[in-house]
Protein backbone atom coordinates (compact mmCIF):
# COMPACT_ATOMS: atom_id res chain seq x y z
CA MET A 1 -15.37 8.84 -13.70
CA ASP A 2 -14.10 5.23 -12.41
CA PHE A 3 -12.39 5.32 -9.49
CA GLN A 4 -12.23 1.56 -8.97
CA PHE A 5 -8.84 -0.22 -8.68
CA THR A 6 -7.58 -2.68 -10.85
CA SER A 7 -7.71 -6.24 -9.92
CA GLU A 8 -4.08 -6.39 -9.94
CA GLN A 9 -4.23 -3.31 -7.37
CA GLU A 10 -6.30 -4.87 -5.35
CA LEU A 11 -4.39 -8.26 -5.00
CA PHE A 12 -1.40 -5.90 -3.91
CA ARG A 13 -3.43 -4.44 -1.43
CA GLN A 14 -4.35 -7.78 0.28
CA GLU A 15 -0.90 -8.63 -0.19
CA VAL A 16 0.31 -5.95 1.80
CA ARG A 17 -2.52 -6.37 4.27
CA ASP A 18 -1.60 -9.90 4.83
CA PHE A 19 2.09 -8.85 5.47
CA LEU A 20 1.15 -6.25 7.84
CA GLU A 21 -1.49 -8.46 10.04
CA GLU A 22 1.11 -11.09 10.04
CA GLU A 23 3.74 -8.37 11.76
CA ILE A 24 1.43 -7.48 14.30
CA ARG A 25 0.52 -11.14 15.26
CA ASN A 26 4.47 -11.84 15.50
CA GLY A 27 4.66 -8.59 17.59
CA THR A 28 6.77 -6.42 15.41
CA PHE A 29 4.46 -3.64 15.98
CA GLN A 30 1.40 -2.54 17.45
CA PRO A 31 -0.81 -0.10 15.37
CA MET A 32 0.22 3.65 16.39
CA CYS A 33 -0.79 6.97 15.42
CA ASP A 34 1.80 8.75 13.31
CA GLY A 35 3.72 5.69 13.19
CA TRP A 36 5.21 7.02 9.85
CA ILE A 37 6.89 9.64 11.58
CA GLN A 38 7.08 8.50 15.14
CA GLY A 39 7.58 4.52 14.86
CA TYR A 40 11.27 3.72 14.62
CA SER A 41 11.77 0.38 13.67
CA PRO A 42 14.66 -0.71 11.86
CA GLU A 43 13.82 -4.24 11.79
CA PHE A 44 10.41 -3.52 10.18
CA THR A 45 12.11 -1.48 7.64
CA LYS A 46 14.60 -4.19 6.96
CA LYS A 47 11.45 -6.51 6.47
CA VAL A 48 9.62 -3.93 3.87
CA ALA A 49 12.94 -3.55 1.72
CA GLU A 50 13.01 -7.34 1.52
CA LYS A 51 9.80 -7.28 -0.03
CA GLY A 52 10.98 -4.47 -2.55
CA TRP A 53 8.18 -2.01 -1.45
CA ILE A 54 10.98 0.87 -0.72
CA GLY A 55 11.20 2.64 -4.00
CA LEU A 56 8.13 0.83 -5.31
CA SER A 57 7.68 3.42 -8.30
CA TRP A 58 11.48 4.12 -8.64
CA PRO A 59 12.51 3.67 -12.13
CA LYS A 60 14.11 0.31 -12.72
CA GLU A 61 17.49 1.45 -13.67
CA TYR A 62 17.86 3.28 -10.30
CA GLY A 63 16.99 -0.19 -8.39
CA GLY A 64 13.04 0.32 -8.17
CA GLN A 65 10.35 -1.66 -9.03
CA GLY A 66 9.12 0.53 -11.67
CA ARG A 67 5.64 0.20 -10.49
CA SER A 68 2.89 2.86 -10.59
CA HIS A 69 2.08 5.54 -8.60
CA ILE A 70 -1.15 4.20 -7.76
CA ASP A 71 0.33 1.00 -6.43
CA ARG A 72 2.53 3.07 -4.18
CA LEU A 73 -0.57 4.91 -3.02
CA VAL A 74 -2.14 1.52 -2.38
CA LEU A 75 1.11 0.60 -0.34
CA THR A 76 0.86 4.17 1.54
CA GLU A 77 -2.54 3.55 2.40
CA GLU A 78 -2.05 0.31 4.05
CA MET A 79 0.88 1.04 5.84
CA LEU A 80 -1.13 4.38 7.30
CA ARG A 81 -4.27 1.95 7.84
CA TYR A 82 -2.39 -0.19 10.11
CA GLY A 83 -0.44 2.49 11.87
CA ALA A 84 3.11 0.50 10.77
CA PRO A 85 6.36 2.14 12.09
CA ALA A 86 7.66 3.28 8.81
CA ALA A 87 9.66 6.33 9.98
CA CYS A 88 12.96 4.87 9.29
CA HIS A 89 12.61 4.66 5.56
CA TRP A 90 9.63 7.12 4.97
CA PHE A 91 11.45 10.48 4.09
CA ALA A 92 13.85 8.63 2.01
CA ASP A 93 11.42 6.84 0.01
CA ARG A 94 9.22 9.45 -0.31
CA GLN A 95 11.35 12.52 -1.57
CA ILE A 96 14.98 12.21 -0.80
CA GLY A 97 15.53 9.42 -3.03
CA ASN A 98 13.40 11.14 -5.87
CA ALA A 99 15.61 14.36 -5.44
CA ILE A 100 18.95 12.45 -5.69
CA MET A 101 17.29 10.57 -8.91
CA ALA A 102 16.73 14.00 -10.36
CA TYR A 103 19.49 16.05 -9.38
CA GLY A 104 22.45 13.99 -7.84
CA THR A 105 25.66 12.99 -9.77
CA GLU A 106 26.00 9.31 -10.85
CA GLU A 107 28.45 8.87 -8.14
CA LEU A 108 25.92 10.04 -5.13
CA GLN A 109 23.31 8.03 -6.93
CA GLN A 110 25.27 4.76 -6.74
CA GLU A 111 26.40 5.49 -3.21
CA PHE A 112 22.73 6.30 -1.59
CA LEU A 113 20.18 4.81 -3.80
CA PRO A 114 21.10 0.84 -2.86
CA LYS A 115 21.32 2.27 0.99
CA ILE A 116 17.84 3.52 0.81
CA LEU A 117 16.34 0.32 -1.33
CA LYS A 118 17.97 -1.90 1.34
CA GLY A 119 16.65 0.17 4.34
CA GLU A 120 20.01 0.77 5.37
CA ALA A 121 20.12 4.67 5.02
CA TYR A 122 17.67 6.63 7.06
CA VAL A 123 17.31 10.16 5.96
CA GLY A 124 15.87 13.17 8.17
CA LEU A 125 15.00 16.29 6.83
CA GLY A 126 17.01 19.27 8.12
CA MET A 127 15.10 22.51 6.65
CA SER A 128 13.43 24.56 9.30
CA GLU A 129 15.82 26.69 11.55
CA PRO A 130 14.75 29.04 14.60
CA GLU A 131 14.30 32.01 12.22
CA ALA A 132 13.22 30.30 8.94
CA GLY A 133 10.04 27.86 9.07
CA SER A 134 7.34 28.13 6.74
CA ASP A 135 9.80 31.09 4.99
CA LEU A 136 12.35 28.44 4.29
CA ALA A 137 14.07 31.08 1.96
CA SER A 138 15.31 32.91 5.47
CA LEU A 139 17.67 30.40 6.39
CA GLN A 140 21.18 31.15 7.68
CA THR A 141 22.79 27.89 7.68
CA ARG A 142 25.85 28.65 6.04
CA ALA A 143 27.82 26.03 3.46
CA VAL A 144 31.42 27.48 2.60
CA GLU A 145 33.65 26.13 0.01
CA ASP A 146 37.11 25.04 1.18
CA GLY A 147 39.31 22.51 -0.85
CA ASP A 148 37.24 19.58 -1.71
CA ASP A 149 34.67 20.34 1.27
CA TYR A 150 31.50 22.84 2.47
CA VAL A 151 32.40 23.99 5.65
CA ILE A 152 28.97 23.62 7.30
CA THR A 153 28.06 25.99 10.30
CA GLY A 154 24.26 26.55 11.40
CA GLN A 155 21.21 25.03 13.61
CA LYS A 156 18.32 23.18 12.24
CA MET A 157 14.91 22.98 14.23
CA TRP A 158 12.41 20.14 13.89
CA THR A 159 14.91 17.80 12.05
CA SER A 160 12.58 14.77 11.62
CA CYS A 161 13.53 11.77 13.48
CA ALA A 162 17.10 13.50 14.00
CA ARG A 163 18.18 11.33 16.82
CA PHE A 164 17.75 8.09 14.84
CA MET A 165 18.73 8.81 11.54
CA THR A 166 21.86 8.02 9.63
CA HIS A 167 21.84 11.14 7.18
CA VAL A 168 20.47 14.50 7.30
CA TYR A 169 18.96 15.86 3.99
CA LEU A 170 20.45 19.51 4.71
CA VAL A 171 19.67 22.61 3.16
CA ALA A 172 22.40 25.60 3.29
CA ARG A 173 23.19 28.76 2.11
CA THR A 174 25.96 28.95 -0.31
CA ASP A 175 25.88 32.47 -1.50
CA HIS A 176 24.99 34.85 1.55
CA ASP A 177 25.12 38.01 -0.61
CA ALA A 178 22.47 36.55 -2.85
CA PRO A 179 18.62 37.43 -2.92
CA LYS A 180 17.33 35.22 -0.01
CA HIS A 181 15.51 32.83 -2.49
CA ARG A 182 18.80 32.01 -4.37
CA GLY A 183 22.28 31.04 -3.14
CA ILE A 184 20.68 28.12 -1.47
CA SER A 185 21.96 24.62 -1.97
CA GLU A 186 20.89 20.84 -0.82
CA PHE A 187 23.07 18.35 0.42
CA VAL A 188 22.88 14.70 1.77
CA VAL A 189 25.12 14.79 5.28
CA ASP A 190 26.29 11.84 7.35
CA ALA A 191 24.69 12.34 10.85
CA THR A 192 27.89 11.12 12.59
CA LEU A 193 30.18 13.55 11.13
CA PRO A 194 32.48 15.47 13.77
CA GLY A 195 30.75 18.79 14.61
CA ILE A 196 27.29 17.62 14.57
CA THR A 197 25.53 17.67 17.76
CA ILE A 198 21.96 16.54 18.33
CA GLN A 199 19.56 17.12 20.80
CA PRO A 200 16.28 15.74 20.82
CA THR A 201 13.13 17.80 20.67
CA ILE A 202 10.52 16.40 22.86
CA ASP A 203 7.32 17.53 21.87
CA ILE A 204 4.04 17.83 23.79
CA THR A 205 3.18 14.24 23.24
CA GLY A 206 6.26 12.94 24.74
CA SER A 207 7.39 11.86 21.45
CA GLU A 208 11.19 12.13 19.97
CA ALA A 209 10.32 12.60 16.36
CA TRP A 210 12.21 15.48 16.13
CA GLY A 211 15.46 16.90 16.86
CA GLU A 212 17.53 20.06 17.07
CA VAL A 213 20.95 19.76 15.34
CA PHE A 214 23.66 21.97 15.52
CA TYR A 215 26.54 22.23 12.68
CA ASP A 216 29.78 23.48 13.99
CA ASN A 217 32.26 23.63 11.10
CA VAL A 218 31.35 20.16 10.01
CA ARG A 219 33.19 19.10 6.57
CA VAL A 220 30.63 17.79 4.03
CA PRO A 221 32.77 16.45 0.61
CA LYS A 222 31.39 18.22 -2.26
CA LYS A 223 30.15 15.05 -3.40
CA TYR A 224 27.30 15.23 -1.43
CA LEU A 225 25.81 18.39 -3.00
CA ILE A 226 22.52 17.38 -4.47
CA GLY A 227 22.21 18.99 -7.72
CA GLU A 228 23.21 22.42 -8.70
CA LYS A 229 24.94 24.85 -6.21
CA ASN A 230 22.60 27.88 -5.17
CA ARG A 231 19.57 26.49 -7.15
CA GLY A 232 18.47 24.35 -4.14
CA PHE A 233 15.52 26.40 -3.70
CA TYR A 234 13.77 25.81 -6.85
CA GLN A 235 15.00 22.19 -6.72
CA ILE A 236 13.15 22.01 -3.32
CA LEU A 237 9.87 23.67 -4.57
CA ASN A 238 9.22 20.64 -6.62
CA GLN A 239 10.07 18.26 -3.54
CA LEU A 240 7.51 20.01 -1.31
CA ASP A 241 4.86 18.83 -3.66
CA TYR A 242 5.59 15.38 -2.94
CA GLU A 243 5.96 16.08 0.79
CA ARG A 244 2.76 17.80 0.77
CA ALA A 245 0.57 15.57 -1.19
CA GLY A 246 1.04 12.38 0.86
CA LEU A 247 -1.93 10.52 2.54
CA GLU A 248 -0.19 10.77 5.89
CA ARG A 249 -1.60 14.21 5.82
CA LEU A 250 -5.05 12.43 5.80
CA MET A 251 -4.33 8.74 7.54
CA GLY A 252 -1.56 9.66 10.07
CA ASN A 253 -4.10 8.99 12.81
CA TYR A 254 -6.30 6.31 10.91
CA PRO A 255 -5.65 3.84 13.82
CA LEU A 256 -7.72 6.29 16.24
CA PHE A 257 -10.47 6.74 13.66
CA ASP A 258 -10.87 2.95 13.32
CA ALA A 259 -10.56 2.35 16.98
CA LEU A 260 -13.07 4.87 17.53
CA ILE A 261 -15.71 3.31 15.33
CA GLN A 262 -15.25 0.25 17.09
CA PHE A 263 -15.37 1.32 20.66
CA SER A 264 -18.58 3.05 19.75
CA LYS A 265 -19.90 -0.50 18.65
CA GLU A 266 -18.56 -2.22 21.35
CA THR A 267 -19.55 0.51 24.20
CA GLU A 268 -23.05 0.83 26.02
CA ARG A 269 -24.21 3.87 27.94
CA ASN A 270 -27.55 2.55 29.47
CA GLY A 271 -27.55 -0.54 27.79
CA VAL A 272 -27.67 0.70 24.43
CA PRO A 273 -24.43 0.92 22.01
CA LEU A 274 -22.83 4.26 21.71
CA CYS A 275 -23.09 3.92 17.96
CA LYS A 276 -26.84 4.33 18.50
CA ASP A 277 -26.85 7.66 19.89
CA GLN A 278 -28.00 9.91 16.96
CA SER A 279 -25.08 12.70 17.74
CA ILE A 280 -22.41 10.27 17.90
CA ARG A 281 -23.52 8.57 14.79
CA GLN A 282 -23.94 11.93 12.86
CA LYS A 283 -20.23 12.94 14.19
CA LEU A 284 -18.63 9.47 12.66
CA ALA A 285 -20.79 9.76 9.81
CA GLN A 286 -19.51 13.35 9.18
CA LEU A 287 -15.86 12.39 9.45
CA GLN A 288 -16.40 9.17 7.00
CA VAL A 289 -17.77 11.78 4.63
CA GLU A 290 -14.74 14.32 5.23
CA PHE A 291 -12.27 11.27 5.16
CA GLU A 292 -13.37 10.01 1.78
CA ALA A 293 -13.38 13.44 0.38
CA GLY A 294 -9.81 13.51 1.69
CA ARG A 295 -8.89 10.20 0.15
CA LEU A 296 -10.21 11.57 -3.40
CA LEU A 297 -8.24 14.77 -3.32
CA THR A 298 -4.74 12.87 -2.45
CA TYR A 299 -6.01 10.63 -5.57
CA ARG A 300 -6.18 13.35 -7.63
CA VAL A 301 -2.63 14.28 -6.57
CA VAL A 302 -1.39 10.75 -7.59
CA LEU A 303 -2.99 10.83 -10.84
CA VAL A 304 -1.13 14.55 -11.93
CA ILE A 305 1.89 12.64 -10.78
CA GLU A 306 1.17 9.63 -12.94
CA GLU A 307 0.29 12.50 -15.97
CA GLY A 308 4.21 13.48 -15.33
CA ARG A 309 3.32 16.92 -13.89
CA ALA A 310 4.29 18.12 -10.98
CA PRO A 311 0.90 18.61 -8.44
CA ASN A 312 1.71 21.99 -6.99
CA VAL A 313 -1.96 23.63 -6.69
CA GLU A 314 -3.26 19.97 -6.09
CA ALA A 315 -0.70 18.93 -3.43
CA ALA A 316 -1.68 22.34 -1.43
CA MET A 317 -5.23 21.79 -1.51
CA ALA A 318 -4.99 18.15 -0.33
CA LYS A 319 -2.68 19.14 2.27
CA ALA A 320 -4.51 21.86 3.69
CA TYR A 321 -8.05 19.99 3.45
CA CYS A 322 -6.35 16.70 4.93
CA THR A 323 -4.53 18.10 7.99
CA THR A 324 -7.79 20.23 8.96
CA PHE A 325 -9.42 16.66 8.92
CA GLU A 326 -7.06 15.37 11.07
CA GLN A 327 -7.37 18.01 13.46
CA ARG A 328 -11.18 17.73 13.52
CA LEU A 329 -10.69 13.63 14.10
CA ALA A 330 -8.94 14.43 17.17
CA SER A 331 -11.25 16.94 18.74
CA VAL A 332 -14.35 14.53 17.70
CA ALA A 333 -12.60 11.67 19.47
CA THR A 334 -11.78 13.60 22.71
CA GLU A 335 -15.72 14.16 22.63
CA ILE A 336 -16.82 11.25 22.09
CA LEU A 337 -14.53 9.55 24.73
CA GLY A 338 -15.38 12.14 27.40
CA LEU A 339 -13.11 12.80 30.30
CA TYR A 340 -11.73 9.12 29.71
CA GLY A 341 -10.39 10.24 26.58
CA GLN A 342 -7.92 12.62 27.86
CA LEU A 343 -6.25 9.77 29.90
CA LEU A 344 -2.48 9.29 28.66
CA ALA A 345 -1.58 5.43 27.22
CA GLU A 346 0.07 4.63 30.66
CA SER A 347 -3.15 5.06 32.97
CA LYS A 348 -5.21 1.48 33.08
CA TRP A 349 -8.35 3.54 32.60
CA THR A 350 -7.63 4.96 29.26
CA PRO A 351 -9.73 3.91 26.22
CA ILE A 352 -8.39 2.88 22.94
CA LEU A 353 -4.56 2.75 24.19
CA GLY A 354 -4.45 6.22 24.51
CA MET A 355 -4.55 7.16 21.14
CA ALA A 356 -7.03 10.44 21.40
CA PRO A 357 -4.90 12.74 23.64
CA HIS A 358 -1.90 11.73 21.63
CA SER A 359 -3.53 12.87 18.46
CA TYR A 360 -5.28 15.72 20.01
CA LEU A 361 -1.95 17.03 21.46
CA GLY A 362 -0.21 16.22 18.30
CA SER A 363 -2.82 17.38 15.99
CA LYS A 364 -2.14 21.38 16.84
CA GLY A 365 1.01 21.19 14.50
CA TYR A 366 -0.34 19.40 11.60
CA SER A 367 -1.44 22.91 10.04
CA LEU A 368 2.26 24.11 10.42
CA GLN A 369 4.33 21.14 9.31
CA ALA A 370 5.38 20.74 5.34
CA GLY A 371 3.82 24.70 4.67
CA THR A 372 1.37 26.40 7.11
CA THR A 373 -2.41 26.23 5.99
CA GLU A 374 -2.33 29.97 5.24
CA VAL A 375 0.76 29.36 3.02
CA LEU A 376 -1.00 26.60 0.87
CA ARG A 377 -4.49 28.45 0.63
CA ASN A 378 -2.51 31.28 -1.09
CA ILE A 379 -0.90 28.55 -3.43
CA VAL A 380 -4.45 27.67 -4.69
CA ALA A 381 -5.77 31.02 -4.72
CA THR A 382 -2.85 32.48 -7.00
CA ARG A 383 -1.68 29.81 -8.86
CA GLY A 384 -4.82 27.71 -8.70
CA LEU A 385 -7.44 30.27 -9.23
CA GLY A 386 -5.36 33.06 -10.75
CA LEU A 387 -6.38 35.67 -8.25
CA PRO A 388 -4.27 38.52 -7.42
CA ALA A 389 -1.36 38.32 -5.00
CA GLU A 390 -1.77 41.68 -3.69
């Protein structure tokens, strides 16, 4: 098989790298772990939008560039490689825009898609609840019809970048008497509507990348329903494949990986660079092998998308593998850096900007986000291998 990129794709890769390196030199951002979800920078998002890189693979009739999913993979790979602060536009570009194109009315498309493309609409994901995490179908947030509106009441946990978003992609129950996988609908909700209260969730790393959002009789016009009423769960199943399949599940902490390799080359122990230590060389080599395997799994997902198929099994396989790699990377980094590797960024003694403890603490949740590893393995087993469910 030929895994080479075309000359045009390699030129595009270099264009993205040149842009990102210039932005770093200009002080727009500093490479960081999990920049795709923790790096909030409207300034950076505007610049990406001006490049036409938001909605890169969207059809031209919706305002996108109409470029291939391989081109978007190249862009995504470099954004993650440099730890760019892309959280403002990440979710809207990755899945919400696609959901509106696939299921939204023309009115909804005309209102939201241009805003996303211009870097003006930041959309967080309002899915999980206190009693509905991996089992999303158990959600209890209600949306009750009242005239021209839906009145929404409930509570959401782990809403991505909730404090910074202009809108929330919200999943709510529109038929409380239906079986739990039915009676669910999707909405896009203005985050400033009366009745919405956002409480930042400060995680173990100190990040505010998540939020707890309360909906107290929030009136949402019916035109903001995405797709068919009560069919939201089945629409979501397709969207989750795109959420799980992204390179962010493999490269969210790539700045740490890159910095760790440089640290091993530049730091000496007893007059010898750490990279000459056989045990450290072996750990780094093993990480590199695992990383390349993860890249191929994510490339496979993109090739399936290019064929026009939903990458259900492929996405589950890639996500389960890649989050395991990210957790191993965090553990190996703390091993190589030793006790200093436990120091947070504010310490003057911390190596590589304190990325190692940030990654280690954050990595514990990677195998929960966007579907637990156990759920994903079940998908591979039943849908991919045809094994019995019981």
